[in-house]
Amino acid sequence: MRLTDLVVDDRPNNSDGLLLHAWDGSERVRAFISGRVMDDWVDPKQPYGRRKSLFRAQYNALGKSNLAAIERIVASKYQRGAAFNSQHPFVDVLFSDITESGEVLDLTELEQKGKQQVSQCECDL
């Protein structure tokens, strides 16, 4: 039970969050981090009602730039098996999985995109 080739699925989909795909031998494994969990991970100190939700492109960009950390979290939960994950082989990453892992997001990609959007808005004025 070892996951390989974890990738962000950036194709159009109806999921509100980060959708990922990996392989366990010949079996395809899907993983998901909901938008709310991603938002909590990005800014855990902000109360939920005041937090601005990210857009799909931002989730995907964060996923790609933090793929190694996300892969460790997904692999850890996946390796626990069906006894700890009723949706096995689907991996639903919860905020508790992230906090237990101690992984920290690199927000550089998000900050750069935010600066690009601000400068683009200024140019449009």
N, C-alpha and C. Protein backbone atom coordinates (compact mmCIF):
# COMPACT_ATOMS: atom_id res chain seq x y z
N MET A 1 0.84 -1.19 0.00
CA MET A 1 0.00 0.00 0.00
C MET A 1 0.88 1.25 0.00
N ARG A 2 1.40 1.57 -1.16
CA ARG A 2 2.24 2.76 -1.27
C ARG A 2 1.72 3.59 -2.42
N LEU A 3 1.42 4.85 -2.14
CA LEU A 3 0.92 5.76 -3.18
C LEU A 3 2.06 6.31 -4.01
N THR A 4 1.81 6.43 -5.30
CA THR A 4 2.79 7.02 -6.21
C THR A 4 2.08 8.00 -7.14
N ASP A 5 2.86 8.88 -7.70
CA ASP A 5 2.41 9.79 -8.76
C ASP A 5 1.21 10.64 -8.37
N LEU A 6 1.23 11.22 -7.17
CA LEU A 6 0.14 12.12 -6.75
C LEU A 6 0.17 13.38 -7.60
N VAL A 7 -0.98 13.74 -8.14
CA VAL A 7 -1.10 14.95 -8.96
C VAL A 7 -2.39 15.69 -8.61
N VAL A 8 -2.36 17.00 -8.83
CA VAL A 8 -3.55 17.83 -8.67
C VAL A 8 -4.39 17.69 -9.93
N ASP A 9 -5.66 17.45 -9.75
CA ASP A 9 -6.59 17.38 -10.89
C ASP A 9 -7.12 18.79 -11.14
N ASP A 10 -6.57 19.44 -12.15
CA ASP A 10 -7.00 20.82 -12.43
C ASP A 10 -7.98 20.90 -13.59
N ARG A 11 -8.56 19.75 -13.94
CA ARG A 11 -9.62 19.76 -14.95
C ARG A 11 -10.91 20.31 -14.33
N PRO A 12 -11.81 20.82 -15.15
CA PRO A 12 -13.09 21.29 -14.60
C PRO A 12 -13.81 20.17 -13.85
N ASN A 13 -14.31 20.48 -12.66
CA ASN A 13 -15.07 19.50 -11.87
C ASN A 13 -16.03 20.25 -10.95
N ASN A 14 -16.87 19.52 -10.26
CA ASN A 14 -17.87 20.13 -9.39
C ASN A 14 -17.45 20.13 -7.93
N SER A 15 -16.22 19.82 -7.65
CA SER A 15 -15.74 19.75 -6.27
C SER A 15 -15.32 21.13 -5.78
N ASP A 16 -15.70 21.44 -4.54
CA ASP A 16 -15.28 22.69 -3.92
C ASP A 16 -14.06 22.41 -3.06
N GLY A 17 -12.92 22.39 -3.68
CA GLY A 17 -11.69 22.11 -2.96
C GLY A 17 -10.64 21.56 -3.89
N LEU A 18 -9.70 20.84 -3.31
CA LEU A 18 -8.56 20.31 -4.04
C LEU A 18 -8.76 18.83 -4.30
N LEU A 19 -8.84 18.46 -5.57
CA LEU A 19 -9.01 17.06 -5.97
C LEU A 19 -7.67 16.55 -6.47
N LEU A 20 -7.28 15.36 -5.98
CA LEU A 20 -5.99 14.78 -6.31
C LEU A 20 -6.16 13.34 -6.76
N HIS A 21 -5.19 12.86 -7.54
CA HIS A 21 -5.18 11.48 -8.00
C HIS A 21 -3.80 10.89 -7.75
N ALA A 22 -3.78 9.61 -7.39
CA ALA A 22 -2.53 8.88 -7.19
C ALA A 22 -2.77 7.43 -7.59
N TRP A 23 -1.73 6.63 -7.46
CA TRP A 23 -1.82 5.21 -7.78
C TRP A 23 -1.29 4.38 -6.63
N ASP A 24 -1.94 3.26 -6.40
CA ASP A 24 -1.46 2.22 -5.50
C ASP A 24 -1.34 0.97 -6.37
N GLY A 25 -0.16 0.75 -6.93
CA GLY A 25 -0.01 -0.31 -7.93
C GLY A 25 -0.83 0.04 -9.15
N SER A 26 -1.79 -0.82 -9.50
CA SER A 26 -2.66 -0.56 -10.65
C SER A 26 -3.98 0.09 -10.25
N GLU A 27 -4.19 0.30 -8.95
CA GLU A 27 -5.44 0.90 -8.47
C GLU A 27 -5.32 2.42 -8.38
N ARG A 28 -6.27 3.10 -9.00
CA ARG A 28 -6.30 4.55 -8.94
C ARG A 28 -6.92 4.98 -7.62
N VAL A 29 -6.30 5.96 -6.98
CA VAL A 29 -6.76 6.46 -5.69
C VAL A 29 -7.04 7.95 -5.83
N ARG A 30 -8.21 8.35 -5.33
CA ARG A 30 -8.56 9.78 -5.34
C ARG A 30 -8.45 10.31 -3.92
N ALA A 31 -8.03 11.55 -3.82
CA ALA A 31 -7.96 12.24 -2.54
C ALA A 31 -8.61 13.60 -2.70
N PHE A 32 -9.12 14.12 -1.59
CA PHE A 32 -9.83 15.39 -1.64
C PHE A 32 -9.58 16.17 -0.36
N ILE A 33 -9.33 17.47 -0.53
CA ILE A 33 -9.26 18.39 0.60
C ILE A 33 -10.30 19.46 0.32
N SER A 34 -11.32 19.52 1.16
CA SER A 34 -12.44 20.44 0.91
C SER A 34 -11.97 21.89 0.95
N GLY A 35 -12.75 22.74 0.33
CA GLY A 35 -12.45 24.17 0.33
C GLY A 35 -12.36 24.73 1.73
N ARG A 36 -13.26 24.31 2.59
CA ARG A 36 -13.25 24.81 3.97
C ARG A 36 -11.97 24.39 4.69
N VAL A 37 -11.54 23.14 4.48
CA VAL A 37 -10.30 22.68 5.10
C VAL A 37 -9.11 23.44 4.54
N MET A 38 -9.08 23.67 3.23
CA MET A 38 -7.99 24.45 2.63
C MET A 38 -7.98 25.87 3.21
N ASP A 39 -9.16 26.48 3.31
CA ASP A 39 -9.25 27.83 3.87
C ASP A 39 -8.74 27.86 5.31
N ASP A 40 -9.11 26.85 6.11
CA ASP A 40 -8.64 26.76 7.49
C ASP A 40 -7.13 26.59 7.54
N TRP A 41 -6.58 25.81 6.62
CA TRP A 41 -5.14 25.57 6.59
C TRP A 41 -4.39 26.84 6.20
N VAL A 42 -4.94 27.61 5.27
CA VAL A 42 -4.31 28.85 4.83
C VAL A 42 -4.32 29.89 5.95
N ASP A 43 -5.45 30.01 6.64
CA ASP A 43 -5.58 31.05 7.67
C ASP A 43 -6.35 30.51 8.87
N PRO A 44 -5.71 29.68 9.69
CA PRO A 44 -6.42 29.03 10.79
C PRO A 44 -6.87 29.98 11.90
N LYS A 45 -6.31 31.18 11.97
CA LYS A 45 -6.66 32.11 13.04
C LYS A 45 -7.90 32.93 12.73
N GLN A 46 -8.29 32.98 11.47
CA GLN A 46 -9.44 33.78 11.06
C GLN A 46 -10.74 33.02 11.37
N PRO A 47 -11.69 33.66 12.06
CA PRO A 47 -12.97 32.98 12.31
C PRO A 47 -13.66 32.62 11.00
N TYR A 48 -14.37 31.50 11.00
CA TYR A 48 -14.96 30.99 9.76
C TYR A 48 -15.84 32.02 9.07
N GLY A 49 -16.67 32.72 9.77
CA GLY A 49 -17.58 33.68 9.15
C GLY A 49 -16.88 34.85 8.49
N ARG A 50 -15.68 35.16 8.93
CA ARG A 50 -14.94 36.30 8.38
C ARG A 50 -13.93 35.90 7.31
N ARG A 51 -13.71 34.63 7.18
CA ARG A 51 -12.70 34.14 6.24
C ARG A 51 -13.20 34.24 4.81
N LYS A 52 -12.33 34.71 3.93
CA LYS A 52 -12.66 34.73 2.50
C LYS A 52 -12.24 33.40 1.90
N SER A 53 -13.16 32.78 1.20
CA SER A 53 -12.88 31.50 0.59
C SER A 53 -12.03 31.69 -0.66
N LEU A 54 -11.14 30.74 -0.88
CA LEU A 54 -10.29 30.78 -2.06
C LEU A 54 -11.07 30.29 -3.28
N PHE A 55 -10.55 30.59 -4.45
CA PHE A 55 -11.13 30.11 -5.70
C PHE A 55 -10.42 28.83 -6.12
N ARG A 56 -11.04 28.07 -7.02
CA ARG A 56 -10.49 26.79 -7.46
C ARG A 56 -9.05 26.94 -7.97
N ALA A 57 -8.78 27.97 -8.75
CA ALA A 57 -7.42 28.16 -9.28
C ALA A 57 -6.42 28.35 -8.13
N GLN A 58 -6.85 29.01 -7.06
CA GLN A 58 -5.97 29.20 -5.91
C GLN A 58 -5.74 27.87 -5.17
N TYR A 59 -6.79 27.08 -4.99
CA TYR A 59 -6.63 25.76 -4.37
C TYR A 59 -5.64 24.93 -5.18
N ASN A 60 -5.84 24.92 -6.50
CA ASN A 60 -4.97 24.12 -7.37
C ASN A 60 -3.52 24.60 -7.32
N ALA A 61 -3.33 25.93 -7.35
CA ALA A 61 -1.97 26.48 -7.29
C ALA A 61 -1.30 26.12 -5.96
N LEU A 62 -2.05 26.25 -4.87
CA LEU A 62 -1.49 25.87 -3.57
C LEU A 62 -1.18 24.38 -3.52
N GLY A 63 -2.06 23.58 -4.10
CA GLY A 63 -1.83 22.14 -4.13
C GLY A 63 -0.57 21.78 -4.89
N LYS A 64 -0.38 22.42 -6.03
CA LYS A 64 0.81 22.12 -6.85
C LYS A 64 2.09 22.59 -6.16
N SER A 65 2.05 23.75 -5.52
CA SER A 65 3.27 24.27 -4.89
C SER A 65 3.55 23.60 -3.55
N ASN A 66 2.58 22.87 -3.00
CA ASN A 66 2.75 22.18 -1.73
C ASN A 66 2.53 20.68 -1.88
N LEU A 67 2.77 20.17 -3.06
CA LEU A 67 2.44 18.78 -3.37
C LEU A 67 3.18 17.79 -2.47
N ALA A 68 4.42 18.05 -2.15
CA ALA A 68 5.18 17.12 -1.31
C ALA A 68 4.54 17.00 0.08
N ALA A 69 4.17 18.11 0.68
CA ALA A 69 3.54 18.09 2.00
C ALA A 69 2.18 17.40 1.94
N ILE A 70 1.40 17.71 0.91
CA ILE A 70 0.08 17.10 0.75
C ILE A 70 0.22 15.60 0.51
N GLU A 71 1.22 15.22 -0.26
CA GLU A 71 1.45 13.79 -0.52
C GLU A 71 1.74 13.03 0.77
N ARG A 72 2.51 13.63 1.67
CA ARG A 72 2.82 12.97 2.94
C ARG A 72 1.54 12.80 3.78
N ILE A 73 0.68 13.80 3.78
CA ILE A 73 -0.58 13.72 4.54
C ILE A 73 -1.49 12.66 3.95
N VAL A 74 -1.68 12.70 2.64
CA VAL A 74 -2.55 11.74 1.95
C VAL A 74 -2.02 10.32 2.14
N ALA A 75 -0.72 10.13 1.95
CA ALA A 75 -0.12 8.79 2.08
C ALA A 75 -0.28 8.26 3.50
N SER A 76 -0.10 9.12 4.47
CA SER A 76 -0.24 8.70 5.87
C SER A 76 -1.66 8.21 6.16
N LYS A 77 -2.64 8.96 5.69
CA LYS A 77 -4.03 8.56 5.94
C LYS A 77 -4.37 7.31 5.13
N TYR A 78 -3.91 7.24 3.91
CA TYR A 78 -4.19 6.09 3.06
C TYR A 78 -3.60 4.81 3.65
N GLN A 79 -2.40 4.89 4.17
CA GLN A 79 -1.72 3.71 4.69
C GLN A 79 -2.37 3.16 5.96
N ARG A 80 -3.18 3.95 6.62
CA ARG A 80 -3.91 3.45 7.80
C ARG A 80 -4.97 2.43 7.40
N GLY A 81 -5.37 2.46 6.13
CA GLY A 81 -6.30 1.46 5.61
C GLY A 81 -7.76 1.73 5.93
N ALA A 82 -8.58 0.77 5.55
CA ALA A 82 -10.04 0.90 5.67
C ALA A 82 -10.50 1.00 7.12
N ALA A 83 -9.76 0.46 8.05
CA ALA A 83 -10.16 0.53 9.47
C ALA A 83 -10.21 1.97 9.96
N PHE A 84 -9.37 2.84 9.41
CA PHE A 84 -9.33 4.24 9.83
C PHE A 84 -9.92 5.18 8.78
N ASN A 85 -10.32 4.63 7.65
CA ASN A 85 -10.84 5.46 6.57
C ASN A 85 -11.95 4.68 5.88
N SER A 86 -13.19 4.94 6.27
CA SER A 86 -14.32 4.17 5.77
C SER A 86 -14.52 4.31 4.26
N GLN A 87 -13.95 5.34 3.66
CA GLN A 87 -14.11 5.56 2.22
C GLN A 87 -12.93 5.00 1.42
N HIS A 88 -12.06 4.27 2.09
CA HIS A 88 -10.87 3.71 1.46
C HIS A 88 -11.24 2.99 0.16
N PRO A 89 -10.61 3.21 -0.97
CA PRO A 89 -9.34 3.88 -1.19
C PRO A 89 -9.45 5.39 -1.42
N PHE A 90 -10.65 5.96 -1.36
CA PHE A 90 -10.80 7.41 -1.44
C PHE A 90 -10.28 8.01 -0.14
N VAL A 91 -9.49 9.08 -0.23
CA VAL A 91 -8.92 9.71 0.96
C VAL A 91 -9.50 11.11 1.10
N ASP A 92 -10.29 11.30 2.14
CA ASP A 92 -10.87 12.60 2.45
C ASP A 92 -10.01 13.22 3.55
N VAL A 93 -9.20 14.20 3.18
CA VAL A 93 -8.27 14.81 4.13
C VAL A 93 -9.03 15.81 4.99
N LEU A 94 -8.99 15.61 6.28
CA LEU A 94 -9.65 16.49 7.24
C LEU A 94 -8.64 17.46 7.84
N PHE A 95 -9.13 18.53 8.45
CA PHE A 95 -8.22 19.48 9.08
C PHE A 95 -7.43 18.80 10.20
N SER A 96 -8.06 17.85 10.87
CA SER A 96 -7.35 17.12 11.94
C SER A 96 -6.17 16.32 11.37
N ASP A 97 -6.31 15.79 10.16
CA ASP A 97 -5.19 15.08 9.51
C ASP A 97 -4.03 16.03 9.26
N ILE A 98 -4.36 17.25 8.86
CA ILE A 98 -3.33 18.25 8.57
C ILE A 98 -2.63 18.68 9.85
N THR A 99 -3.42 18.99 10.90
CA THR A 99 -2.79 19.44 12.15
C THR A 99 -1.95 18.34 12.77
N GLU A 100 -2.41 17.09 12.71
CA GLU A 100 -1.63 15.96 13.23
C GLU A 100 -0.31 15.80 12.49
N SER A 101 -0.31 16.13 11.20
CA SER A 101 0.90 15.96 10.39
C SER A 101 1.95 17.02 10.71
N GLY A 102 1.51 18.19 11.17
CA GLY A 102 2.45 19.28 11.42
C GLY A 102 2.90 19.99 10.16
N GLU A 103 2.35 19.61 9.02
CA GLU A 103 2.74 20.24 7.75
C GLU A 103 2.25 21.69 7.70
N VAL A 104 3.06 22.55 7.11
CA VAL A 104 2.73 23.96 6.97
C VAL A 104 2.72 24.31 5.50
N LEU A 105 1.71 25.07 5.09
CA LEU A 105 1.61 25.48 3.68
C LEU A 105 2.62 26.56 3.35
N ASP A 106 3.21 26.46 2.18
CA ASP A 106 4.01 27.53 1.61
C ASP A 106 3.03 28.40 0.84
N LEU A 107 2.81 29.62 1.31
CA LEU A 107 1.81 30.50 0.71
C LEU A 107 2.39 31.43 -0.34
N THR A 108 3.64 31.23 -0.73
CA THR A 108 4.28 32.10 -1.70
C THR A 108 3.47 32.21 -2.99
N GLU A 109 2.98 31.09 -3.48
CA GLU A 109 2.21 31.06 -4.73
C GLU A 109 0.94 31.89 -4.59
N LEU A 110 0.26 31.76 -3.47
CA LEU A 110 -0.98 32.50 -3.22
C LEU A 110 -0.70 33.99 -3.11
N GLU A 111 0.38 34.35 -2.42
CA GLU A 111 0.74 35.75 -2.26
C GLU A 111 1.10 36.38 -3.60
N GLN A 112 1.82 35.64 -4.46
CA GLN A 112 2.18 36.15 -5.78
C GLN A 112 0.95 36.36 -6.64
N LYS A 113 0.01 35.42 -6.61
CA LYS A 113 -1.22 35.57 -7.39
C LYS A 113 -2.02 36.76 -6.90
N GLY A 114 -2.05 36.98 -5.58
CA GLY A 114 -2.76 38.12 -5.01
C GLY A 114 -2.16 39.43 -5.49
N LYS A 115 -0.82 39.52 -5.53
CA LYS A 115 -0.15 40.72 -6.00
C LYS A 115 -0.44 40.95 -7.49
N GLN A 116 -0.47 39.87 -8.27
CA GLN A 116 -0.77 40.00 -9.69
C GLN A 116 -2.18 40.51 -9.90
N GLN A 117 -3.13 40.03 -9.11
CA GLN A 117 -4.52 40.47 -9.24
C GLN A 117 -4.65 41.93 -8.87
N VAL A 118 -3.97 42.37 -7.80
CA VAL A 118 -4.02 43.77 -7.39
C VAL A 118 -3.42 44.66 -8.47
N SER A 119 -2.26 44.30 -9.01
CA SER A 119 -1.64 45.14 -10.04
C SER A 119 -2.47 45.15 -11.31
N GLN A 120 -3.13 44.04 -11.62
CA GLN A 120 -4.00 44.00 -12.78
C GLN A 120 -5.20 44.91 -12.58
N CYS A 121 -5.76 44.93 -11.39
CA CYS A 121 -6.89 45.82 -11.08
C CYS A 121 -6.48 47.27 -11.19
N GLU A 122 -5.26 47.62 -10.71
CA GLU A 122 -4.78 48.98 -10.77
C GLU A 122 -4.62 49.42 -12.23
N CYS A 123 -4.19 48.49 -13.09
CA CYS A 123 -3.99 48.82 -14.50
C CYS A 123 -5.33 49.05 -15.19
N ASP A 124 -6.36 48.39 -14.72
CA ASP A 124 -7.67 48.52 -15.33
C ASP A 124 -8.36 49.84 -14.99
N LEU A 125 -7.84 50.56 -13.98
CA LEU A 125 -8.48 51.80 -13.56
C LEU A 125 -8.32 52.92 -14.54
